[in-house]
Protein backbone atom coordinates (compact mmCIF):
# COMPACT_ATOMS: atom_id res chain seq x y z
CA UNK A 1 0.06 -0.09 0.13
CA UNK A 2 1.33 3.27 -1.02
CA UNK A 3 1.80 5.65 1.91
CA UNK A 4 0.10 8.78 2.07
CA UNK A 5 1.56 12.01 1.42
CA UNK A 6 0.27 15.81 1.08
CA UNK A 7 2.58 18.49 -0.98
CA UNK A 8 2.06 21.94 1.54
CA UNK A 9 3.57 25.70 1.45
CA UNK A 10 6.08 25.75 4.79
CA UNK A 11 6.43 28.99 6.93
CA UNK A 12 8.84 28.97 9.87
CA UNK A 13 8.63 31.58 12.32
CA UNK A 14 8.54 32.35 15.78
CA UNK A 15 5.66 30.83 18.27
CA UNK A 16 4.75 32.79 21.63
CA UNK A 17 4.87 29.16 23.32
CA UNK A 18 8.56 29.08 21.98
CA UNK A 19 9.67 32.28 23.40
CA UNK A 20 8.59 31.19 26.88
CA UNK A 21 10.15 28.48 26.73
CA UNK A 22 13.83 29.30 25.87
CA UNK A 23 13.75 30.76 29.85
CA UNK A 24 13.72 27.08 30.79
CA UNK A 25 16.01 26.10 28.29
CA UNK A 26 16.41 24.56 25.00
CA UNK A 27 17.33 21.20 26.10
CA UNK A 28 13.48 21.08 28.37
CA UNK A 29 11.07 18.28 26.99
CA UNK A 30 8.55 21.42 26.47
CA UNK A 31 10.77 23.09 24.63
CA UNK A 32 11.11 19.78 22.31
CA UNK A 33 7.19 19.23 22.31
CA UNK A 34 6.52 22.67 21.22
CA UNK A 35 9.54 23.26 18.70
CA UNK A 36 9.92 19.70 17.33
CA UNK A 37 6.17 20.10 15.47
CA UNK A 38 4.36 21.04 12.92
CA UNK A 39 1.23 22.70 12.78
CA UNK A 40 -1.45 22.11 9.69
CA UNK A 41 -5.01 22.46 9.07
CA UNK A 42 -7.20 19.41 9.95
CA UNK A 43 -8.33 18.90 6.73
CA UNK A 44 -4.84 17.97 5.67
CA UNK A 45 -4.44 15.80 8.87
CA UNK A 46 -7.18 14.08 8.01
CA UNK A 47 -5.86 13.67 4.43
CA UNK A 48 -2.97 12.16 5.47
CA UNK A 49 -5.05 9.93 8.15
CA UNK A 50 -3.21 10.90 11.10
CA UNK A 51 -3.88 12.40 14.09
CA UNK A 52 -2.72 15.22 16.36
CA UNK A 53 0.61 14.40 18.24
CA UNK A 54 1.58 11.69 15.42
CA UNK A 55 4.66 12.03 13.65
CA UNK A 56 5.23 13.03 10.35
CA UNK A 57 8.20 13.66 8.04
CA UNK A 58 8.61 17.01 6.74
CA UNK A 59 11.25 16.74 3.07
CA UNK A 60 12.13 19.75 1.51
CA UNK A 61 15.12 20.23 -1.62
CA UNK A 62 17.30 20.90 1.67
CA UNK A 63 16.43 17.55 3.80
CA UNK A 64 14.25 16.11 5.98
CA UNK A 65 13.03 15.58 9.49
CA UNK A 66 10.50 14.00 11.70
CA UNK A 67 8.18 15.85 14.08
CA UNK A 68 4.95 15.66 15.70
CA UNK A 69 1.92 16.83 13.44
CA UNK A 70 -0.42 19.64 15.70
CA UNK A 71 -3.51 21.56 14.64
CA UNK A 72 -2.87 25.13 13.92
CA UNK A 73 -2.71 27.36 16.58
CA UNK A 74 -3.73 30.43 14.09
CA UNK A 75 -6.17 29.55 11.08
CA UNK A 76 -4.35 27.81 8.45
CA UNK A 77 -5.52 27.41 5.15
CA UNK A 78 -5.03 24.14 3.39
CA UNK A 79 -1.91 23.44 1.92
CA UNK A 80 0.16 25.31 4.59
CA UNK A 81 1.90 24.02 7.52
CA UNK A 82 3.95 26.34 10.29
CA UNK A 83 6.83 24.92 11.79
CA UNK A 84 8.44 27.35 14.85
CA UNK A 85 12.18 28.29 14.27
CA UNK A 86 14.62 25.66 15.85
CA UNK A 87 16.80 23.37 15.31
CA UNK A 88 13.96 21.04 13.44
CA UNK A 89 13.34 23.64 11.27
CA UNK A 90 16.81 24.05 10.12
CA UNK A 91 16.92 20.50 8.51
CA UNK A 92 14.64 22.23 5.80
CA UNK A 93 15.46 25.49 5.01
CA UNK A 94 18.13 26.20 2.12
CA UNK A 95 21.02 27.51 3.32
CA UNK A 96 21.73 29.61 0.76
CA UNK A 97 20.58 33.45 1.20
CA UNK A 98 21.13 34.57 -2.31
CA UNK A 99 23.26 37.32 -0.98
CA UNK A 100 20.89 39.06 1.46
CA UNK A 101 22.70 37.19 3.91
CA UNK A 102 19.26 35.23 5.50
CA UNK A 103 18.29 32.21 4.07
CA UNK A 104 14.38 31.82 3.25
CA UNK A 105 11.93 30.81 5.91
CA UNK A 106 9.30 31.20 4.58
CA UNK A 107 7.09 29.95 1.25
CA UNK A 108 9.07 26.81 1.66
CA UNK A 109 8.11 23.88 -0.57
CA UNK A 110 7.65 20.58 1.44
CA UNK A 111 6.12 17.16 1.18
CA UNK A 112 4.64 15.89 4.44
CA UNK A 113 4.24 11.78 4.70
CA UNK A 114 3.19 9.99 8.16
CA UNK A 115 6.04 8.52 9.71
CA UNK A 116 4.79 6.46 12.92
CA UNK A 117 7.61 4.39 12.93
CA UNK A 118 9.75 7.19 12.92
CA UNK A 119 11.39 9.03 16.00
CA UNK A 120 11.63 12.69 16.23
CA UNK A 121 15.31 13.78 17.03
CA UNK A 122 16.43 15.17 20.74
CA UNK A 123 18.52 18.67 20.69
CA UNK A 124 21.25 16.27 21.61
CA UNK A 125 20.48 13.84 19.05
CA UNK A 126 21.06 16.80 16.14
CA UNK A 127 24.06 18.48 17.61
CA UNK A 128 25.67 14.77 17.25
CA UNK A 129 24.27 14.86 13.48
CA UNK A 130 26.06 18.57 12.85
CA UNK A 131 29.47 17.37 14.48
CA UNK A 132 29.47 14.19 12.52
CA UNK A 133 29.54 16.29 9.36
C-alpha cells in the first residue's frame, strides 16, 4: 500500500510558546514538544490519515526531519504548514541566502507524510549529527 503524502507551503517563524520556553532552556522536554512540531489544517491531517500528536516526516529539497503533527494555533489554509524556528526547521531550510545574508524561511515547498515508526530527534541527537558532518 502506497503511503499518503501531502504537498504543502511551509512557513517558519517564532511562536509565543517558543519564546516563553526559552527561559526553561532549549534542552527541556517542553521546548522539544513545542518546537519539534508542525502545525497543519485539520483537513490536511485528515487527508494524511493522522491525528494530532502523531509523527510526520517533512521533506524539502534541502533535507528532511521527523516532528509531531499539531493543529494550527492560527487559522491555516489547506496546503499550508507552520513550524517554529529551531533546530528541526533548520533541516528543511535552504542554507543559500541569495546575497541577502538570510536564508528563506517562508514559502518553502515541502512534502509531509506519516512517520509513525520514525523518531523525533532530541536536540542532543541533532548536535551529534551536526558534529559528525
